[in-house]
Protein backbone atom coordinates (compact mmCIF):
# COMPACT_ATOMS: atom_id res chain seq x y z
CA MET A 1 -99.98 -24.99 25.71
CA TRP A 2 -99.40 -21.90 24.46
CA ARG A 3 -102.96 -21.01 26.80
CA ALA A 4 -101.16 -22.62 29.50
CA ILE A 5 -97.34 -20.09 29.51
CA LEU A 6 -100.19 -17.42 27.69
CA LEU A 7 -101.66 -18.16 31.38
CA PHE A 8 -97.53 -17.85 33.13
CA LEU A 9 -97.15 -15.07 31.41
CA THR A 10 -99.65 -13.29 32.80
CA VAL A 11 -99.83 -13.80 36.35
CA ALA A 12 -96.15 -13.38 36.24
CA LEU A 13 -96.90 -9.53 34.86
CA LEU A 14 -99.10 -8.74 37.75
CA SER A 15 -97.87 -10.31 40.11
CA ASN A 16 -94.99 -8.04 40.16
CA PRO A 17 -95.33 -4.92 39.21
CA ALA A 18 -91.92 -3.50 37.64
CA LEU A 19 -92.77 -6.16 34.16
CA ALA A 20 -96.43 -4.97 34.43
CA GLN A 21 -95.27 -1.40 34.23
CA GLN A 22 -92.54 -0.04 33.01
CA PRO A 23 -90.85 3.31 35.22
CA ARG A 24 -91.54 5.84 34.29
CA ALA A 25 -88.67 9.07 33.30
CA ASP A 26 -88.42 12.20 33.83
CA LEU A 27 -86.48 12.74 30.55
CA LEU A 28 -86.05 10.85 28.19
CA ILE A 29 -83.17 10.83 25.37
CA ARG A 30 -84.00 8.45 21.80
CA ASN A 31 -82.26 7.89 19.03
CA GLY A 32 -78.76 8.84 20.07
CA ARG A 33 -75.04 7.19 19.53
CA VAL A 34 -74.30 6.71 22.59
CA LEU A 35 -70.50 6.70 23.60
CA ASP A 36 -70.47 5.25 26.94
CA GLY A 37 -67.06 6.81 28.04
CA THR A 38 -65.56 3.44 28.09
CA GLY A 39 -63.30 3.90 25.17
CA ASN A 40 -65.64 1.23 23.27
CA ALA A 41 -67.47 1.38 19.83
CA TRP A 42 -70.77 3.63 19.36
CA PHE A 43 -73.91 1.77 19.62
CA TYR A 44 -77.57 3.59 18.43
CA ALA A 45 -79.34 3.50 21.90
CA ASP A 46 -82.03 5.53 24.03
CA VAL A 47 -81.25 6.84 27.38
CA ALA A 48 -83.82 7.93 30.19
CA VAL A 49 -83.28 9.75 33.36
CA GLN A 50 -84.51 9.51 37.09
CA ALA A 51 -84.18 11.11 40.00
CA GLY A 52 -80.68 11.53 39.27
CA LYS A 53 -79.83 8.86 38.01
CA ILE A 54 -79.13 6.66 35.18
CA LEU A 55 -82.36 5.21 34.92
CA ALA A 56 -82.14 3.03 31.79
CA VAL A 57 -79.80 2.44 28.97
CA GLY A 58 -80.79 0.35 25.51
CA ARG A 59 -83.60 0.30 23.08
CA LEU A 60 -86.25 1.28 25.12
CA PRO A 61 -89.87 0.34 24.60
CA LYS A 62 -91.49 3.14 21.43
CA ASP A 63 -94.20 4.23 24.35
CA TYR A 64 -91.31 4.09 27.43
CA PRO A 65 -93.59 6.36 29.77
CA ALA A 66 -91.40 10.17 29.80
CA ASP A 67 -92.01 13.08 31.58
CA THR A 68 -89.58 14.82 28.45
CA VAL A 69 -88.38 12.84 25.75
CA LEU A 70 -84.93 14.97 23.48
CA ASN A 71 -84.66 13.70 19.92
CA ALA A 72 -80.53 13.25 19.74
CA ARG A 73 -80.73 12.38 15.84
CA GLY A 74 -77.73 12.36 14.19
CA LEU A 75 -76.12 13.81 17.46
CA ILE A 76 -73.94 11.63 20.21
CA VAL A 77 -74.55 11.01 24.10
CA ALA A 78 -72.05 10.68 26.59
CA PRO A 79 -70.97 11.48 30.07
CA GLY A 80 -70.88 14.60 31.19
CA PHE A 81 -67.49 16.56 31.06
CA ILE A 82 -64.68 15.99 33.86
CA ASP A 83 -62.37 19.11 33.60
CA VAL A 84 -59.99 17.26 35.70
CA HIS A 85 -57.60 20.97 36.33
CA THR A 86 -59.35 24.31 37.05
CA HIS A 87 -58.77 26.79 39.08
CA ILE A 88 -62.62 28.08 40.76
CA GLU A 89 -61.36 29.15 43.89
CA ASP A 90 -63.64 33.45 43.71
CA ASP A 91 -65.25 32.83 40.68
CA GLU A 92 -67.88 30.97 42.10
CA VAL A 93 -69.06 34.06 43.30
CA LYS A 94 -69.69 36.02 39.87
CA GLN A 95 -70.94 33.60 38.18
CA PRO A 96 -72.27 30.27 39.52
CA THR A 97 -73.72 29.52 35.89
CA ALA A 98 -70.24 28.08 35.56
CA ASP A 99 -71.36 28.91 31.30
CA ASN A 100 -67.74 28.13 29.67
CA PHE A 101 -67.43 24.95 31.87
CA ILE A 102 -71.51 24.42 30.85
CA TYR A 103 -70.86 25.17 26.92
CA ASP A 104 -67.74 22.42 26.48
CA GLY A 105 -69.92 20.47 27.84
CA VAL A 106 -68.27 20.40 30.65
CA THR A 107 -69.97 19.13 34.14
CA THR A 108 -67.43 18.18 37.24
CA VAL A 109 -64.52 20.00 37.53
CA ILE A 110 -61.07 19.37 39.92
CA THR A 111 -60.39 22.25 41.78
CA GLY A 112 -57.91 22.76 43.94
CA ASN A 113 -55.25 22.28 41.71
CA CYS A 114 -51.02 23.59 41.38
CA GLY A 115 -50.76 23.60 45.08
CA SER A 116 -53.51 25.98 45.80
CA SER A 117 -56.53 25.33 47.77
CA ARG A 118 -59.13 26.37 50.33
CA PRO A 119 -57.45 26.23 53.73
CA ASP A 120 -60.47 24.77 54.85
CA LEU A 121 -61.91 22.20 52.81
CA ARG A 122 -65.26 21.42 55.18
CA ARG A 123 -65.81 25.12 55.32
CA TYR A 124 -65.56 25.82 51.19
CA PHE A 125 -67.94 22.61 50.29
CA ALA A 126 -70.54 23.83 52.92
CA PHE A 127 -70.17 27.44 50.71
CA LEU A 128 -70.67 24.95 47.26
CA ASP A 129 -73.76 23.45 48.86
CA SER A 130 -75.23 26.79 49.91
CA LEU A 131 -74.06 28.29 46.42
CA HIS A 132 -75.15 26.11 44.12
CA LEU A 133 -73.08 25.72 41.05
CA SER A 134 -74.59 24.54 37.34
CA VAL A 135 -70.91 22.02 37.68
CA ASN A 136 -70.01 19.41 40.54
CA VAL A 137 -67.09 20.19 42.37
CA ALA A 138 -64.35 18.20 44.14
CA SER A 139 -61.16 19.28 44.86
CA LEU A 140 -57.80 19.04 46.49
CA VAL A 141 -56.51 20.27 48.76
CA GLY A 142 -53.16 22.50 48.17
CA HIS A 143 -49.86 22.03 48.81
CA GLY A 144 -48.14 25.36 49.29
CA THR A 145 -51.79 26.39 50.49
CA VAL A 146 -51.40 24.48 54.29
CA ARG A 147 -47.41 25.27 53.65
CA LYS A 148 -48.61 28.96 53.85
CA ALA A 149 -50.61 27.98 57.09
CA VAL A 150 -48.19 27.04 58.44
CA MET A 151 -44.26 29.06 57.51
CA GLY A 152 -45.86 31.99 55.60
CA ARG A 153 -43.75 32.41 52.64
CA ALA A 154 -40.33 31.38 54.21
CA ASN A 155 -37.78 30.02 52.08
CA ARG A 156 -36.44 27.12 54.39
CA MET A 157 -36.97 23.60 55.30
CA PRO A 158 -39.42 23.36 57.92
CA THR A 159 -39.01 21.88 61.26
CA GLU A 160 -40.40 18.66 62.97
CA ALA A 161 -43.16 20.58 64.45
CA GLU A 162 -44.07 22.63 61.29
CA LEU A 163 -44.39 18.84 59.27
CA GLY A 164 -47.13 18.22 62.08
CA GLN A 165 -48.80 20.89 61.27
CA MET A 166 -48.49 20.17 57.88
CA GLU A 167 -49.51 16.91 58.48
CA THR A 168 -52.23 18.31 60.33
CA LEU A 169 -53.66 20.30 57.81
CA VAL A 170 -53.41 17.92 54.71
CA GLU A 171 -55.03 15.58 56.88
CA GLN A 172 -58.42 17.76 57.85
CA ALA A 173 -58.76 18.36 54.34
CA MET A 174 -58.69 15.33 53.61
CA GLN A 175 -61.01 13.71 56.44
CA ALA A 176 -63.13 17.05 55.04
CA GLY A 177 -63.58 14.89 51.53
CA ALA A 178 -60.51 16.27 49.59
CA VAL A 179 -59.58 14.40 46.66
CA GLY A 180 -56.32 13.77 46.94
CA MET A 181 -53.22 16.64 47.11
CA SER A 182 -51.97 19.17 44.65
CA SER A 183 -48.12 20.88 44.78
CA GLY A 184 -47.47 23.85 42.78
CA LEU A 185 -43.71 23.48 42.78
CA ILE A 186 -42.63 27.21 40.70
CA TYR A 187 -44.53 28.86 42.40
CA VAL A 188 -44.00 30.62 46.18
CA PRO A 189 -43.81 28.62 48.55
CA GLY A 190 -43.51 25.21 47.13
CA THR A 191 -40.91 26.61 44.76
CA TYR A 192 -38.53 26.16 48.68
CA THR A 193 -39.74 22.34 49.25
CA ARG A 194 -38.07 19.26 48.84
CA THR A 195 -39.06 16.34 48.29
CA PRO A 196 -38.89 14.63 51.61
CA GLU A 197 -41.51 16.96 52.09
CA LEU A 198 -43.93 16.34 49.85
CA VAL A 199 -43.00 12.66 50.78
CA ARG A 200 -44.55 13.36 54.62
CA LEU A 201 -47.81 14.61 53.42
CA ALA A 202 -48.55 12.68 50.39
CA ARG A 203 -48.49 9.81 52.83
CA VAL A 204 -51.25 11.57 54.26
CA ALA A 205 -53.57 11.67 50.88
CA ALA A 206 -52.55 8.58 50.69
CA ARG A 207 -53.97 7.04 53.84
CA TYR A 208 -57.62 8.00 52.42
CA GLN A 209 -57.48 6.92 49.39
CA GLY A 210 -56.23 10.65 47.85
CA LEU A 211 -53.52 10.77 44.44
CA TYR A 212 -50.98 13.39 44.67
CA ALA A 213 -51.61 16.18 41.28
CA THR A 214 -48.68 18.16 41.15
CA HIS A 215 -47.64 21.35 38.76
CA MET A 216 -43.95 19.93 38.58
CA ARG A 217 -41.42 22.45 39.08
CA ASN A 218 -39.91 22.73 35.81
CA GLU A 219 -41.69 22.28 32.53
CA SER A 220 -38.93 23.07 30.27
CA ASP A 221 -35.13 22.27 30.42
CA SER A 222 -34.75 20.32 34.12
CA VAL A 223 -38.50 18.72 33.10
CA ARG A 224 -37.32 15.27 32.94
CA GLN A 225 -36.02 15.56 36.21
CA ALA A 226 -39.21 17.40 37.46
CA ILE A 227 -41.79 14.52 36.87
CA GLN A 228 -38.56 11.69 38.02
CA GLU A 229 -39.45 13.19 40.84
CA ALA A 230 -43.11 13.57 40.96
CA LEU A 231 -42.80 9.40 40.20
CA LEU A 232 -40.53 9.45 43.51
CA VAL A 233 -42.86 10.95 45.31
CA GLY A 234 -45.64 8.56 43.84
CA ARG A 235 -43.41 5.62 44.57
CA GLU A 236 -41.83 6.56 48.37
CA ALA A 237 -45.72 7.65 49.49
CA GLY A 238 -48.12 4.32 47.99
CA LEU A 239 -50.20 6.57 45.66
CA PRO A 240 -51.00 7.65 42.35
CA VAL A 241 -49.64 10.70 40.71
CA GLU A 242 -50.99 12.98 38.22
CA ILE A 243 -48.14 14.81 36.01
CA SER A 244 -50.65 18.43 35.78
CA HIS A 245 -50.69 20.11 32.68
CA LEU A 246 -47.90 18.45 30.26
CA LYS A 247 -45.74 20.73 27.58
CA LEU A 248 -42.54 21.03 26.93
CA GLY A 249 -41.66 24.92 27.25
CA GLY A 250 -39.00 26.67 24.99
CA GLN A 251 -37.59 25.93 21.91
CA ALA A 252 -35.21 24.68 22.62
CA ASN A 253 -36.85 21.35 24.10
CA TRP A 254 -38.79 21.54 21.70
CA GLY A 255 -39.17 17.18 20.65
CA HIS A 256 -38.51 15.55 22.91
CA ALA A 257 -42.14 14.74 23.90
CA ALA A 258 -41.99 10.79 23.56
CA ASP A 259 -38.36 10.85 25.86
CA LEU A 260 -41.51 12.06 28.60
CA LEU A 261 -43.45 10.04 27.38
CA ASN A 262 -41.64 6.87 27.07
CA LEU A 263 -40.53 7.97 30.80
CA ILE A 264 -44.08 7.81 32.22
CA GLU A 265 -45.21 4.79 29.83
CA THR A 266 -41.49 2.63 31.88
CA ALA A 267 -43.20 4.14 35.63
CA ARG A 268 -46.75 2.71 34.60
CA GLN A 269 -44.94 -1.06 33.38
CA ASN A 270 -43.60 -1.05 36.28
CA GLY A 271 -46.95 -1.14 37.99
CA GLN A 272 -47.13 2.34 39.47
CA GLU A 273 -50.49 4.01 38.39
CA VAL A 274 -49.58 7.62 36.77
CA THR A 275 -51.67 9.83 34.78
CA ILE A 276 -51.35 12.84 32.98
CA ASP A 277 -53.52 15.70 31.64
CA GLN A 278 -53.25 18.65 29.14
CA TYR A 279 -55.06 22.12 27.45
CA PRO A 280 -55.01 21.46 24.11
CA TYR A 281 -52.95 24.70 22.61
CA THR A 282 -49.19 25.93 22.30
CA ALA A 283 -49.76 28.48 25.52
CA SER A 284 -49.50 28.24 28.74
CA SER A 285 -51.38 30.69 31.30
CA THR A 286 -50.07 31.92 34.71
CA SER A 287 -48.64 34.72 36.20
CA LEU A 288 -45.93 37.59 35.34
CA SER A 289 -44.05 36.51 38.50
CA THR A 290 -43.24 33.50 37.52
CA LEU A 291 -39.84 34.29 35.77
CA LEU A 292 -38.57 36.24 38.73
CA PRO A 293 -35.89 33.56 40.69
CA ASP A 294 -37.67 32.11 43.42
CA ASN A 295 -34.92 33.56 46.07
CA VAL A 296 -36.46 37.10 45.52
CA GLN A 297 -39.89 36.57 45.54
CA ALA A 298 -38.92 34.85 49.32
CA ASP A 299 -40.92 36.53 52.50
CA GLY A 300 -43.38 38.18 50.56
CA ARG A 301 -44.29 41.17 48.75
CA ASP A 302 -42.53 43.25 50.88
CA SER A 303 -39.71 41.59 51.10
CA LEU A 304 -39.88 41.35 47.33
CA ARG A 305 -39.82 44.95 46.61
CA VAL A 306 -36.39 45.66 49.36
CA ARG A 307 -35.40 43.35 47.32
CA LEU A 308 -35.82 45.13 44.14
CA ALA A 309 -34.71 48.80 45.65
CA ARG A 310 -31.28 47.10 45.84
CA PRO A 311 -29.70 48.02 42.29
CA ALA A 312 -27.58 45.36 41.93
CA VAL A 313 -29.48 42.81 43.51
CA ARG A 314 -32.64 44.35 40.31
CA LYS A 315 -29.35 44.24 37.30
CA ALA A 316 -29.09 40.61 38.72
CA VAL A 317 -32.39 40.11 37.79
CA GLU A 318 -32.81 41.76 35.07
CA THR A 319 -30.00 40.22 33.31
CA PHE A 320 -31.52 36.65 34.94
CA LEU A 321 -34.58 37.78 32.47
CA VAL A 322 -32.83 38.37 29.38
CA ALA A 323 -30.50 35.01 30.52
CA ARG A 324 -33.54 33.84 30.22
CA LEU A 325 -34.80 35.02 26.61
CA ARG A 326 -31.63 34.30 25.44
CA LYS A 327 -32.09 30.61 26.30
CA ARG A 328 -35.23 30.32 24.11
CA LYS A 329 -33.68 32.18 21.33
CA LEU A 330 -36.07 35.11 20.82
CA ARG A 331 -34.99 38.72 21.45
CA HIS A 332 -38.22 40.15 22.66
CA PHE A 333 -40.62 39.33 25.36
CA SER A 334 -43.08 38.98 22.20
CA TYR A 335 -44.19 35.66 23.96
CA ALA A 336 -45.31 36.88 26.91
CA VAL A 337 -48.73 38.86 26.82
CA VAL A 338 -50.26 40.17 29.43
CA ALA A 339 -54.51 38.07 30.31
CA SER A 340 -55.52 40.70 33.54
CA PHE A 341 -53.56 43.77 34.86
CA PRO A 342 -55.74 45.29 36.75
CA PRO A 343 -53.35 49.02 37.19
CA ASP A 344 -54.11 49.58 33.88
CA PRO A 345 -56.51 47.42 31.88
CA SER A 346 -55.30 48.90 28.31
CA TYR A 347 -52.39 46.66 28.97
CA ASN A 348 -54.57 43.67 28.51
CA GLY A 349 -53.86 41.38 25.59
CA LEU A 350 -50.47 43.71 25.02
CA SER A 351 -47.05 41.89 24.92
CA ILE A 352 -44.60 42.58 27.60
CA GLU A 353 -42.25 44.32 24.33
CA ALA A 354 -46.16 46.26 22.78
CA ILE A 355 -46.65 47.58 26.97
CA ASN A 356 -42.33 48.49 26.62
CA GLN A 357 -42.45 50.37 23.79
CA ARG A 358 -46.02 51.86 24.93
CA ARG A 359 -43.82 53.85 27.88
CA GLY A 360 -41.38 54.60 25.17
CA ARG A 361 -38.02 52.61 25.72
CA PRO A 362 -35.45 51.12 24.38
CA HIS A 363 -36.45 48.28 21.93
CA ASN A 364 -34.37 45.81 23.48
CA ALA A 365 -34.32 42.61 25.49
CA ARG A 366 -32.95 43.90 29.24
CA ALA A 367 -35.43 47.47 29.05
CA GLU A 368 -38.58 44.79 28.88
CA ALA A 369 -36.83 43.48 31.33
CA ALA A 370 -36.81 46.33 33.35
CA THR A 371 -40.93 46.72 32.36
CA ILE A 372 -40.84 43.33 33.35
CA LEU A 373 -40.59 44.48 37.13
CA ASP A 374 -41.84 47.28 36.88
CA LEU A 375 -45.51 45.05 36.30
CA VAL A 376 -44.59 42.99 39.34
CA LEU A 377 -44.36 45.49 41.66
CA GLN A 378 -47.42 46.83 40.74
CA HIS A 379 -49.21 43.66 40.89
CA ASP A 380 -48.71 40.87 39.67
CA ALA A 381 -49.72 40.61 35.85
CA GLY A 382 -51.67 37.56 34.45
CA MET A 383 -50.29 36.83 31.17
CA VAL A 384 -50.40 34.29 28.55
CA PHE A 385 -47.38 33.18 27.87
CA HIS A 386 -47.50 31.22 23.99
CA GLY A 387 -44.01 28.59 24.34
CA MET A 388 -44.62 25.29 22.68
CA SER A 389 -44.94 23.25 19.21
CA GLU A 390 -47.93 21.59 17.92
CA PRO A 391 -45.76 19.09 17.26
CA ASP A 392 -45.63 18.10 20.83
CA VAL A 393 -49.06 18.91 21.98
CA GLN A 394 -50.24 16.63 19.30
CA GLN A 395 -47.67 13.86 20.33
CA ILE A 396 -48.98 14.37 24.16
CA MET A 397 -52.33 14.34 22.82
CA ARG A 398 -51.94 10.57 21.34
CA TYR A 399 -50.89 9.49 24.79
CA PRO A 400 -53.28 7.18 26.18
CA PHE A 401 -53.43 7.81 29.76
CA ASN A 402 -53.97 11.52 29.72
CA MET A 403 -56.98 13.77 30.33
CA VAL A 404 -58.49 17.44 28.67
CA ALA A 405 -57.98 19.52 31.34
CA SER A 406 -58.37 23.67 30.90
CA ASP A 407 -56.34 24.83 33.45
CA ALA A 408 -58.44 27.29 33.82
CA SER A 409 -61.22 29.22 36.37
CA ILE A 410 -65.31 30.30 35.95
CA ARG A 411 -64.37 32.94 33.21
CA VAL A 412 -66.15 36.53 33.47
CA TRP A 413 -68.21 37.24 30.31
CA GLN A 414 -65.35 40.04 28.76
CA GLU A 415 -63.62 39.86 31.85
CA GLY A 416 -60.13 40.46 31.25
CA VAL A 417 -58.04 38.87 27.84
CA PRO A 418 -57.78 34.96 29.28
CA HIS A 419 -56.10 32.30 27.66
CA PRO A 420 -58.93 30.65 25.49
CA ARG A 421 -58.72 27.42 27.64
CA GLY A 422 -61.75 28.21 29.99
CA TYR A 423 -64.24 28.25 27.05
CA GLY A 424 -62.77 26.24 24.45
CA SER A 425 -60.49 23.21 25.79
CA ASN A 426 -63.26 19.97 25.03
CA ALA A 427 -64.80 21.56 21.35
CA ARG A 428 -61.70 21.76 20.13
CA VAL A 429 -60.14 18.19 20.82
CA LEU A 430 -63.70 17.06 19.32
CA GLY A 431 -63.80 19.68 16.63
CA HIS A 432 -60.02 20.23 15.87
CA TYR A 433 -58.30 16.86 17.41
CA VAL A 434 -60.63 14.93 15.68
CA ARG A 435 -62.57 15.63 13.23
CA GLU A 436 -60.57 17.39 11.18
CA LEU A 437 -56.77 16.10 12.25
CA HIS A 438 -57.68 12.86 13.41
CA VAL A 439 -54.95 13.22 15.85
CA ILE A 440 -57.11 10.67 18.30
CA SER A 441 -61.21 8.67 17.70
CA LEU A 442 -64.26 10.51 19.04
CA GLU A 443 -64.28 7.40 20.73
CA GLU A 444 -61.01 8.02 22.30
CA ALA A 445 -61.60 11.49 23.16
CA VAL A 446 -64.34 10.82 25.42
CA ARG A 447 -63.06 8.14 26.45
CA ARG A 448 -60.23 10.79 27.96
CA MET A 449 -63.09 13.45 28.96
CA THR A 450 -65.30 10.78 31.57
CA SER A 451 -64.43 7.68 32.70
CA LEU A 452 -60.42 8.25 32.89
CA PRO A 453 -60.96 11.18 34.78
CA ALA A 454 -63.17 9.65 37.07
CA GLN A 455 -61.31 6.14 37.37
CA THR A 456 -58.20 8.98 37.94
CA PHE A 457 -59.82 11.05 41.72
CA GLY A 458 -62.30 8.57 42.53
CA LEU A 459 -66.02 9.66 41.54
CA THR A 460 -66.88 6.41 41.68
CA ASP A 461 -70.52 7.44 40.52
CA ARG A 462 -69.08 9.72 36.74
CA GLY A 463 -68.40 8.59 33.81
CA LEU A 464 -69.69 6.04 32.35
CA LEU A 465 -73.62 5.91 31.22
CA ARG A 466 -74.58 3.09 33.32
CA PRO A 467 -77.75 2.59 34.82
CA GLY A 468 -77.88 3.41 38.36
CA LEU A 469 -74.84 6.26 38.15
CA ALA A 470 -75.93 10.33 38.46
CA ALA A 471 -76.99 10.81 35.13
CA ASP A 472 -74.86 13.73 33.77
CA LEU A 473 -74.82 13.78 30.31
CA VAL A 474 -74.14 15.69 27.25
CA VAL A 475 -75.29 15.17 23.46
CA PHE A 476 -73.30 16.57 21.42
CA ASP A 477 -73.33 17.12 17.54
CA PRO A 478 -70.21 16.24 16.20
CA LYS A 479 -69.81 17.55 12.85
CA GLU A 480 -70.29 21.07 14.65
CA VAL A 481 -69.11 20.68 17.91
CA ALA A 482 -65.54 23.34 18.08
CA GLU A 483 -64.36 26.18 20.06
CA ARG A 484 -65.21 29.79 19.37
CA SER A 485 -62.72 31.74 21.53
CA THR A 486 -59.10 32.91 19.99
CA PHE A 487 -55.92 34.43 22.22
CA THR A 488 -57.08 38.03 20.84
CA GLN A 489 -61.30 37.82 21.37
CA PRO A 490 -61.28 35.09 23.52
CA HIS A 491 -65.17 35.52 25.20
CA GLN A 492 -66.95 33.21 23.02
CA TYR A 493 -68.41 30.27 23.86
CA SER A 494 -67.88 26.84 22.43
CA VAL A 495 -70.16 26.00 19.82
CA GLY A 496 -72.14 22.11 19.15
CA MET A 497 -73.51 20.94 22.94
CA ARG A 498 -77.45 20.87 21.69
CA TYR A 499 -77.84 18.97 26.09
CA VAL A 500 -75.73 19.27 29.07
CA LEU A 501 -77.31 17.58 32.42
CA VAL A 502 -76.14 17.52 35.67
CA ASN A 503 -77.36 15.40 37.82
CA GLY A 504 -80.03 15.32 35.53
CA GLN A 505 -81.65 18.79 35.57
CA LEU A 506 -81.41 20.02 31.96
CA THR A 507 -78.23 23.08 31.77
CA VAL A 508 -77.88 23.07 27.91
CA ARG A 509 -81.00 22.33 26.42
CA ASN A 510 -81.21 23.46 22.10
CA GLY A 511 -77.58 24.80 22.47
CA GLN A 512 -78.70 27.73 25.53
CA HIS A 513 -77.90 27.55 28.84
CA THR A 514 -80.95 27.06 31.15
CA LYS A 515 -79.79 28.48 33.74
CA ARG A 516 -80.07 25.41 35.85
CA ARG A 517 -78.32 25.57 38.43
CA ALA A 518 -77.96 21.33 40.04
CA GLY A 519 -74.10 21.11 40.89
CA GLN A 520 -73.00 18.94 43.37
CA VAL A 521 -70.45 18.90 45.83
CA LEU A 522 -68.26 15.35 44.97
CA TYR A 523 -66.00 13.64 48.58
CA GLY A 524 -62.85 12.02 48.32
CA PRO A 525 -63.64 8.54 49.79
CA GLY A 526 -61.69 9.76 52.97
CA ARG A 527 -63.93 11.93 54.65
CA ARG A 528 -65.31 11.81 58.60
């Protein structure tokens, strides 16, 4: 009998080459603790990669053929991280190797956030295909970009004809491969937009299976109403909602994170698809002009200059800024720190309070408000605003439908004094909040960085360690992974990422960027 069985197996092997010979891998990762992106517990396994795809995951034979073998003993093997909220436009050519993202384990970025994207996404995607970045790129279409193309910076409702033009532009972007539409409702011209306009345009994105990602109208005193508006847009337009960088700004609002999360969770319990993202810091970063009233910024910088040249208007704006400061229960604009001011780089890293004193002005809020207006008129500085509480950050982080995001660009080495989130968001979560503070588990953190973003943005071939999916992988040391970037010394790369693969190409080897640029454009399901 055994002779007959042996004969049968021999015949089967000879007649089936797939059984007779193991397929040769381009790269084989041995002995790692695999976190597959699902949130399940890690398990020991090997991972084989061939032609940019995951070939096999499991206990592979010792003689499994491979061109390159990496030993991951003591290391975590996970899908490449997906950063759902970035702004890489304008920095792709400056730093196509995207070192800040790669060293942070990020293999895919979603750009076009906060209502601002490239106006012609078909052309933009072709440009990315020819440039070749070290990371994959997907993009949203920016509502603000679309509105500006049709209406400029006008502070009014669109006509029906203008709304039709905007719908056409959103449709063209979705057909080019956008993954959804974003809004930036604190920025001109998004701030002039009413909810029905957002619903009309979001319905176009919904027809192409896109989502609605929003930098809400308010993230401090009226944040609850802003969330309700975002949820309304999703319900009326019939598409998923992604709330960008959820936070509670301003000391008067601290301690209410649970209320916001309950509002979001209630929507989910009622069947609405809604997620959030967060950068793991107590400071935000945006332009200085966002401190100004919306109405003085209408119709562009020339109009702003004309308005602020009128003494009565300037005085009223200064009074507005001082009142805003008092509402934060602060005496000075020390919380507002310049990240980038091209007319005078010596201001980079200084607070408005310090710049005001350097200019020899009185040490009071009114003089600092005047300094803000002088800077805005000269150039709209990039800023870091310190205004959140650590307990709120941690409570929001615990929410299971929350993804890690940097809200950052491709960092150009030693340019300005930017927010450290652009260098270390993922490593900070893994090192500080997982290993040191135990705010969430390692398995859960990896899920938030991988399968949850992939599912949310429709990236069906990423986010999990499964045979046949794209070989975006990160191999990191859970005991060493950490961010090095700080608010005062931001230009420092994260550590602990031993290997990073992008589409099967070894982009970090032994902790060093290989300068491979294997990134691809990732398209939404509506691409025509």
